[in-house]
Amino acid sequence: MDSNLTVKINPHVETALLGDQAQQYDMIVFSNIEWQCVYQRPQHIVNRMAETMKILYIEEPSYNSKIKKAGNLTVIKERLHVLKPNVGSIESIAEILPLYIKNTHIPMGWFYDPAFCPLLESFQFDTIVYDCMNELSTVKNADKQLIDQEKYLMANADIVFTNGESLYELKKQIHNNVHYFPSSVDERHFSKALQNISIPADIGDIPSTIAGFYGTIDDRIDLNLLKQTAQKLPDVSFVMIGPVRKIEESTLPQASNIYYLGAKCYDELPHYLKAFDIAMMPFVLNDTTKYINPAKTLEYMAARKPIISTKIVDIARNCNNCINLIETADEFATAIQDLANKDLKNLESDYRKVLDTTSWDTTVNQMKSIIKFFAK
């Protein structure tokens, strides 16, 4: 999963609510990622799909008995609406759908979360797409029901996309129409870090050298590796930007040279990235991260930051010539010291070769071509 972090929505758009008037939609998206909390693959893809289709993006429900409305429907832009159902379960969403959706025969259903499978019976989709971002069976404390739901979704999906090559190799053993689309990058946005933009005060006051990370801070981060490396390099500042999820904040390593700046919105990321001397991806190496393909890899590249990462399979496979791959705290510390004294002029050409092969616009256009070819 990840570029990460909160996204600012135009306040005038954010408060433009449609009420309970049912509307006609071309595509329904089912997602466990809240539109306004984390800006990553779903938002990039769905935003572009909404240029030609009217889309309803349905989030996981959140029930509040004090709110009398069945849900909150927000206009992101003319063709893109987001529904936060005010019900107790995903199954209960079916009861409120007629309030918001006029048509039950809909050209496309797009799934990010198999937990929404019970709603398949509420629609007649011409095409069902599963855009798979994670291997659920490797998630810590994986829910067997969710794994079974994914099997059901795979059996009903016409097309499966994956954001990682390793994930593609796994899913193509199960489904006969799987396509690999790695997460891309909005290069124009993140290359702002190369321009004369401001550096926020909360990171500007931190002593350099700064080894920075942004993204969700959860059980995929190797906190022990971070702690040990910070101990070895007391003169280096380790900056962690992002919300803490699935772990207790009390478990975060504390040191005078480790800084936690909290979640930042998408528009702010280039400003923080500008302050990084080195960008890091200290992911733990286990089943949880076996199939991930972090989008931040390309975002760091767009800002021309030297990158240090643990040996995530897809990163090692596709970027080993331009990213410093490490396993231990000793290797991490050595890589930071080497980069601090290294001429980084070759980064431009190495990164350019990678960035020239990808863009979100290209990704979505290719997805559209595949969908059109296989449309019923």
Protein backbone atom coordinates (compact mmCIF):
# COMPACT_ATOMS: atom_id res chain seq x y z
CA MET A 1 0.00 0.00 0.00
CA ASP A 2 1.41 3.57 0.05
CA SER A 3 2.01 7.32 -1.35
CA ASN A 4 0.64 7.99 1.63
CA LEU A 5 -0.62 10.48 3.94
CA THR A 6 -3.47 12.86 4.17
CA VAL A 7 -4.78 14.78 1.20
CA LYS A 8 -6.14 18.31 1.35
CA ILE A 9 -9.46 18.74 -0.39
CA ASN A 10 -10.67 22.15 -1.48
CA PRO A 11 -12.86 23.24 1.46
CA HIS A 12 -15.55 24.47 -0.92
CA VAL A 13 -15.66 21.02 -2.54
CA GLU A 14 -15.45 19.16 0.73
CA THR A 15 -18.63 20.75 2.04
CA ALA A 16 -20.62 20.33 -1.16
CA LEU A 17 -22.99 17.56 -0.09
CA LEU A 18 -25.58 16.06 -2.38
CA GLY A 19 -28.09 14.88 0.18
CA ASP A 20 -30.08 11.69 -0.37
CA GLN A 21 -31.06 12.11 -4.01
CA ALA A 22 -30.28 8.92 -5.95
CA GLN A 23 -28.09 9.35 -9.01
CA GLN A 24 -26.97 7.37 -12.02
CA TYR A 25 -23.40 6.03 -11.91
CA ASP A 26 -21.12 4.38 -14.46
CA MET A 27 -18.74 2.85 -11.92
CA ILE A 28 -18.90 1.88 -8.24
CA VAL A 29 -15.64 1.60 -6.31
CA PHE A 30 -15.46 -0.38 -3.05
CA SER A 31 -12.49 0.55 -0.90
CA ASN A 32 -11.10 0.19 2.62
CA ILE A 33 -9.01 3.32 2.03
CA GLU A 34 -10.75 6.52 3.03
CA TRP A 35 -10.58 9.09 0.27
CA GLN A 36 -9.58 11.97 2.52
CA CYS A 37 -7.11 10.13 4.76
CA VAL A 38 -4.55 8.55 2.47
CA TYR A 39 -3.72 9.61 -1.06
CA GLN A 40 -2.30 6.72 -2.99
CA ARG A 41 -3.03 4.28 -5.81
CA PRO A 42 -6.86 4.26 -5.55
CA GLN A 43 -7.13 8.05 -5.61
CA HIS A 44 -4.71 8.43 -8.52
CA ILE A 45 -6.55 5.83 -10.60
CA VAL A 46 -10.13 6.72 -9.68
CA ASN A 47 -9.53 10.46 -10.18
CA ARG A 48 -8.41 9.78 -13.73
CA MET A 49 -11.21 7.32 -14.42
CA ALA A 50 -13.66 10.03 -13.36
CA GLU A 51 -12.61 12.17 -16.32
CA THR A 52 -14.89 10.04 -18.52
CA MET A 53 -17.12 8.13 -16.06
CA LYS A 54 -19.39 9.12 -13.20
CA ILE A 55 -18.08 7.28 -10.16
CA LEU A 56 -19.29 6.57 -6.64
CA TYR A 57 -16.47 5.64 -4.26
CA ILE A 58 -17.88 3.69 -1.29
CA GLU A 59 -15.79 3.58 1.88
CA GLU A 60 -16.05 1.22 4.83
CA PRO A 61 -19.06 2.08 7.00
CA SER A 62 -18.86 3.94 10.28
CA TYR A 63 -22.01 3.96 12.42
CA ASN A 64 -22.95 6.93 14.57
CA SER A 65 -26.41 6.71 16.16
CA LYS A 66 -26.47 10.49 16.67
CA ILE A 67 -26.39 11.03 12.91
CA LYS A 68 -29.80 10.44 11.34
CA LYS A 69 -28.64 10.35 7.72
CA ALA A 70 -27.94 6.96 6.13
CA GLY A 71 -24.58 8.20 4.96
CA ASN A 72 -22.48 11.18 4.00
CA LEU A 73 -22.17 11.81 0.27
CA THR A 74 -19.41 14.23 -0.72
CA VAL A 75 -18.66 15.77 -4.09
CA ILE A 76 -14.97 15.55 -4.88
CA LYS A 77 -15.61 16.80 -8.39
CA GLU A 78 -18.54 16.68 -10.81
CA ARG A 79 -18.10 13.04 -11.81
CA LEU A 80 -16.66 11.74 -8.55
CA HIS A 81 -18.64 11.30 -5.33
CA VAL A 82 -17.60 9.61 -2.09
CA LEU A 83 -20.06 7.81 0.19
CA LYS A 84 -19.31 7.11 3.85
CA PRO A 85 -22.19 4.82 4.92
CA ASN A 86 -23.63 5.38 8.39
CA VAL A 87 -24.46 1.72 9.04
CA GLY A 88 -23.12 -1.00 11.28
CA SER A 89 -21.71 -3.40 8.71
CA ILE A 90 -20.77 -3.77 5.07
CA GLU A 91 -23.76 -6.06 4.55
CA SER A 92 -26.06 -3.28 5.81
CA ILE A 93 -24.85 -0.95 3.07
CA ALA A 94 -27.17 -2.82 0.68
CA GLU A 95 -30.18 -1.39 2.54
CA ILE A 96 -29.20 2.24 1.89
CA LEU A 97 -27.90 1.93 -1.70
CA PRO A 98 -31.26 2.90 -3.32
CA LEU A 99 -31.01 6.26 -1.54
CA TYR A 100 -27.85 7.09 -3.46
CA ILE A 101 -27.76 4.94 -6.60
CA LYS A 102 -30.57 5.09 -9.12
CA ASN A 103 -29.38 2.28 -11.40
CA THR A 104 -28.63 -1.31 -10.38
CA HIS A 105 -27.29 -2.20 -13.85
CA ILE A 106 -23.88 -0.55 -13.81
CA PRO A 107 -21.07 -0.82 -16.38
CA MET A 108 -18.29 -1.40 -13.86
CA GLY A 109 -17.64 -2.52 -10.30
CA TRP A 110 -14.11 -1.84 -9.04
CA PHE A 111 -12.90 -3.54 -5.84
CA TYR A 112 -9.99 -2.68 -3.57
CA ASP A 113 -11.36 -4.65 -0.64
CA PRO A 114 -12.86 -8.17 -0.93
CA ALA A 115 -14.83 -7.51 2.28
CA PHE A 116 -17.38 -5.70 0.07
CA CYS A 117 -18.23 -8.97 -1.72
CA PRO A 118 -21.70 -9.24 -0.13
CA LEU A 119 -22.70 -6.18 -2.16
CA LEU A 120 -22.11 -7.99 -5.45
CA GLU A 121 -25.67 -9.29 -5.24
CA SER A 122 -27.03 -5.74 -5.13
CA PHE A 123 -25.79 -4.87 -8.63
CA GLN A 124 -25.62 -6.18 -12.14
CA PHE A 125 -22.13 -5.22 -13.26
CA ASP A 126 -21.07 -5.56 -16.88
CA THR A 127 -17.42 -5.78 -15.79
CA ILE A 128 -15.91 -6.53 -12.38
CA VAL A 129 -12.34 -5.39 -11.69
CA TYR A 130 -10.22 -6.34 -8.68
CA ASP A 131 -7.25 -4.01 -8.25
CA CYS A 132 -5.19 -6.04 -5.79
CA MET A 133 -2.71 -4.11 -3.65
CA ASN A 134 -1.81 -6.72 -1.01
CA GLU A 135 -1.59 -10.45 -0.48
CA LEU A 136 -4.14 -10.95 2.29
CA SER A 137 -2.86 -14.34 3.40
CA THR A 138 0.44 -12.77 4.53
CA VAL A 139 -1.17 -10.02 6.60
CA LYS A 140 -0.56 -10.40 10.32
CA ASN A 141 -3.58 -12.00 12.03
CA ALA A 142 -5.22 -12.43 8.64
CA ASP A 143 -8.99 -12.89 8.79
CA LYS A 144 -9.95 -16.24 7.25
CA GLN A 145 -13.33 -14.81 6.22
CA LEU A 146 -11.57 -12.04 4.27
CA ILE A 147 -9.32 -14.58 2.54
CA ASP A 148 -12.41 -16.58 1.56
CA GLN A 149 -14.06 -13.39 0.33
CA GLU A 150 -11.06 -12.69 -1.87
CA LYS A 151 -11.37 -16.17 -3.38
CA TYR A 152 -15.01 -15.40 -4.13
CA LEU A 153 -14.12 -12.03 -5.64
CA MET A 154 -11.39 -13.59 -7.79
CA ALA A 155 -13.90 -16.17 -9.04
CA ASN A 156 -16.32 -13.41 -10.06
CA ALA A 157 -13.85 -10.81 -11.33
CA ASP A 158 -13.45 -10.38 -15.08
CA ILE A 159 -10.09 -8.62 -14.72
CA VAL A 160 -7.48 -8.58 -11.94
CA PHE A 161 -4.81 -5.87 -11.69
CA THR A 162 -1.89 -6.00 -9.26
CA ASN A 163 0.51 -3.30 -8.14
CA GLY A 164 3.48 -5.61 -7.70
CA GLU A 165 5.28 -8.09 -9.93
CA SER A 166 5.52 -10.70 -7.18
CA LEU A 167 1.82 -10.26 -6.50
CA TYR A 168 1.11 -10.66 -10.21
CA GLU A 169 3.03 -13.95 -10.32
CA LEU A 170 0.99 -15.21 -7.38
CA LYS A 171 -2.44 -14.14 -8.64
CA LYS A 172 -1.98 -15.38 -12.19
CA GLN A 173 -1.89 -18.91 -10.76
CA ILE A 174 -5.48 -18.36 -9.61
CA HIS A 175 -7.02 -16.21 -12.34
CA ASN A 176 -6.60 -16.32 -16.13
CA ASN A 177 -6.83 -12.56 -16.73
CA VAL A 178 -4.28 -10.86 -14.44
CA HIS A 179 -2.31 -7.76 -15.43
CA TYR A 180 0.61 -6.12 -13.64
CA PHE A 181 0.46 -2.34 -13.19
CA PRO A 182 3.01 -1.10 -10.68
CA SER A 183 2.12 2.00 -8.73
CA SER A 184 3.27 5.04 -10.65
CA VAL A 185 4.17 8.60 -9.73
CA ASP A 186 2.96 12.15 -10.21
CA GLU A 187 6.44 13.32 -11.12
CA ARG A 188 5.43 16.95 -11.57
CA HIS A 189 4.15 17.03 -7.99
CA PHE A 190 7.15 15.44 -6.28
CA SER A 191 9.78 17.15 -8.42
CA LYS A 192 8.68 20.38 -6.74
CA ALA A 193 11.22 19.36 -4.11
CA LEU A 194 13.89 20.38 -6.64
CA GLN A 195 12.48 23.89 -6.86
CA ASN A 196 12.71 26.88 -4.57
CA ILE A 197 9.87 25.85 -2.27
CA SER A 198 9.67 26.38 1.47
CA ILE A 199 10.75 23.82 4.04
CA PRO A 200 8.26 23.45 6.93
CA ALA A 201 9.47 24.67 10.30
CA ASP A 202 9.03 21.34 12.10
CA ILE A 203 11.61 19.69 9.84
CA GLY A 204 13.62 22.80 9.01
CA ASP A 205 14.75 23.06 12.62
CA ILE A 206 16.04 19.48 12.69
CA PRO A 207 19.82 19.10 12.40
CA SER A 208 21.07 17.55 9.17
CA THR A 209 22.04 15.00 7.88
CA ILE A 210 18.36 13.96 7.61
CA ALA A 211 17.42 10.40 6.70
CA GLY A 212 13.68 10.69 6.09
CA PHE A 213 10.68 8.43 5.59
CA TYR A 214 7.07 9.26 4.89
CA GLY A 215 4.22 6.78 4.84
CA THR A 216 2.10 4.79 7.23
CA ILE A 217 4.09 3.79 10.30
CA ASP A 218 2.80 0.30 11.07
CA ASP A 219 3.90 -3.29 11.54
CA ARG A 220 5.66 -3.24 8.17
CA ILE A 221 8.32 -0.84 9.49
CA ASP A 222 11.42 -2.43 11.03
CA LEU A 223 11.47 -0.35 14.21
CA ASN A 224 14.37 -2.32 15.66
CA LEU A 225 16.45 -1.59 12.56
CA LEU A 226 15.61 2.11 12.89
CA LYS A 227 16.55 2.14 16.58
CA GLN A 228 19.85 0.33 16.10
CA THR A 229 20.91 2.48 13.15
CA ALA A 230 20.05 5.69 15.04
CA GLN A 231 22.23 4.49 17.92
CA LYS A 232 25.16 3.90 15.54
CA LEU A 233 24.81 7.35 13.94
CA PRO A 234 24.00 9.88 16.71
CA ASP A 235 24.84 12.79 14.39
CA VAL A 236 22.26 11.75 11.80
CA SER A 237 18.61 12.76 12.23
CA PHE A 238 16.04 10.05 11.45
CA VAL A 239 12.70 11.65 10.54
CA MET A 240 9.50 9.61 10.35
CA ILE A 241 6.47 11.30 8.78
CA GLY A 242 3.06 9.67 8.76
CA PRO A 243 0.19 8.30 10.83
CA VAL A 244 0.79 5.43 13.27
CA ARG A 245 -1.49 2.49 12.50
CA LYS A 246 -1.87 -1.11 13.77
CA ILE A 247 0.85 -0.61 16.41
CA GLU A 248 0.96 1.22 19.72
CA GLU A 249 2.78 4.54 19.72
CA SER A 250 4.50 3.37 22.90
CA THR A 251 6.39 0.79 20.80
CA LEU A 252 8.06 3.46 18.64
CA PRO A 253 11.79 3.72 19.36
CA GLN A 254 12.72 6.92 21.16
CA ALA A 255 16.05 8.71 20.82
CA SER A 256 17.30 12.27 20.65
CA ASN A 257 17.95 11.84 16.91
CA ILE A 258 14.64 10.15 15.97
CA TYR A 259 11.77 12.51 15.13
CA TYR A 260 8.08 11.71 14.55
CA LEU A 261 6.30 14.54 12.77
CA GLY A 262 2.85 12.97 12.36
CA ALA A 263 0.67 12.78 9.26
CA LYS A 264 1.09 15.38 6.54
CA CYS A 265 -1.18 16.09 3.61
CA TYR A 266 -0.27 15.14 0.05
CA ASP A 267 0.35 18.74 -1.01
CA GLU A 268 2.91 19.17 1.78
CA LEU A 269 5.03 16.12 0.94
CA PRO A 270 7.37 17.80 -1.60
CA HIS A 271 8.17 20.47 1.01
CA TYR A 272 9.22 17.81 3.53
CA LEU A 273 10.96 15.75 0.89
CA LYS A 274 13.08 18.79 0.01
CA ALA A 275 14.57 18.65 3.52
CA PHE A 276 15.63 14.99 3.21
CA ASP A 277 19.31 14.36 2.53
CA ILE A 278 18.56 10.65 2.19
CA ALA A 279 15.20 8.93 1.69
CA MET A 280 14.74 5.62 3.46
CA MET A 281 12.41 2.64 3.33
CA PRO A 282 13.19 0.56 6.44
CA PHE A 283 10.62 -2.16 5.87
CA VAL A 284 10.77 -5.37 7.85
CA LEU A 285 11.54 -8.42 5.73
CA ASN A 286 8.85 -11.01 6.36
CA ASP A 287 5.63 -12.36 4.83
CA THR A 288 3.85 -9.05 5.55
CA THR A 289 6.10 -7.19 3.08
CA LYS A 290 6.80 -10.03 0.67
CA TYR A 291 4.48 -8.68 -2.02
CA ILE A 292 4.56 -4.92 -1.44
CA ASN A 293 5.73 -2.45 -4.09
CA PRO A 294 5.95 0.97 -2.41
CA ALA A 295 4.91 3.90 -4.59
CA LYS A 296 7.18 6.15 -2.56
CA THR A 297 10.17 4.61 -4.36
CA LEU A 298 9.30 6.60 -7.47
CA GLU A 299 8.31 9.68 -5.49
CA TYR A 300 11.73 9.75 -3.84
CA MET A 301 13.27 9.39 -7.29
CA ALA A 302 11.22 12.30 -8.66
CA ALA A 303 12.80 14.46 -5.95
CA ARG A 304 16.26 13.05 -6.86
CA LYS A 305 16.91 11.81 -3.34
CA PRO A 306 19.40 8.98 -2.75
CA ILE A 307 17.44 6.00 -1.44
CA ILE A 308 18.24 3.31 1.10
CA SER A 309 15.86 0.37 1.39
CA THR A 310 15.72 -3.05 2.91
CA LYS A 311 15.67 -5.81 0.31
CA ILE A 312 11.97 -5.82 -0.58
CA VAL A 313 11.56 -8.33 -3.43
CA ASP A 314 10.14 -5.99 -6.09
CA ILE A 315 12.53 -3.17 -5.21
CA ALA A 316 15.55 -5.46 -5.37
CA ARG A 317 14.31 -6.89 -8.65
CA ASN A 318 13.60 -3.62 -10.45
CA CYS A 319 15.77 -0.94 -8.84
CA ASN A 320 18.87 -2.67 -7.48
CA ASN A 321 21.15 -0.62 -9.75
CA CYS A 322 20.08 2.75 -8.36
CA ILE A 323 18.94 2.06 -4.77
CA ASN A 324 21.14 1.14 -1.83
CA LEU A 325 19.83 -2.19 -0.54
CA ILE A 326 20.56 -3.19 3.04
CA GLU A 327 19.60 -5.84 5.58
CA THR A 328 21.30 -4.96 8.87
CA ALA A 329 21.83 -1.86 10.99
CA ASP A 330 25.56 -1.99 10.19
CA GLU A 331 24.79 -1.95 6.45
CA PHE A 332 22.23 0.81 6.96
CA ALA A 333 24.72 2.98 8.85
CA THR A 334 27.47 2.36 6.30
CA ALA A 335 25.15 3.25 3.42
CA ILE A 336 24.21 6.56 5.07
CA GLN A 337 27.85 7.44 5.68
CA ASP A 338 28.81 6.53 2.12
CA LEU A 339 26.01 8.61 0.61
CA ALA A 340 26.95 11.60 2.72
CA ASN A 341 30.35 11.63 0.98
CA LYS A 342 29.35 10.44 -2.48
CA ASP A 343 29.00 12.38 -5.72
CA LEU A 344 25.36 11.83 -6.67
CA LYS A 345 25.46 13.21 -10.22
CA ASN A 346 24.64 9.80 -11.70
CA LEU A 347 21.32 9.71 -9.86
CA GLU A 348 19.70 11.88 -12.52
CA SER A 349 20.37 9.49 -15.40
CA ASP A 350 19.67 6.34 -13.35
CA TYR A 351 16.38 7.66 -12.03
CA ARG A 352 15.42 9.09 -15.41
CA LYS A 353 15.54 5.61 -16.95
CA VAL A 354 13.04 4.39 -14.35
CA LEU A 355 10.75 7.43 -14.33
CA ASP A 356 10.47 7.58 -18.12
CA THR A 357 8.74 4.21 -18.14
CA THR A 358 5.87 5.20 -15.86
CA SER A 359 3.10 7.71 -15.25
CA TRP A 360 -0.37 7.47 -13.72
CA ASP A 361 -1.89 8.75 -16.96
CA THR A 362 -0.24 5.95 -18.93
CA THR A 363 -1.26 3.37 -16.32
CA VAL A 364 -4.93 4.39 -16.40
CA ASN A 365 -5.03 4.58 -20.21
CA GLN A 366 -3.62 1.05 -20.44
CA MET A 367 -6.11 -0.18 -17.86
CA LYS A 368 -8.94 1.36 -19.89
CA SER A 369 -7.71 -0.42 -23.03
CA ILE A 370 -7.71 -3.78 -21.26
CA ILE A 371 -11.18 -3.17 -19.81
CA LYS A 372 -12.53 -2.18 -23.23
CA PHE A 373 -11.03 -5.31 -24.83
CA PHE A 374 -12.54 -7.65 -22.24
CA ALA A 375 -15.82 -5.80 -21.73
CA LYS A 376 -18.85 -8.08 -21.93
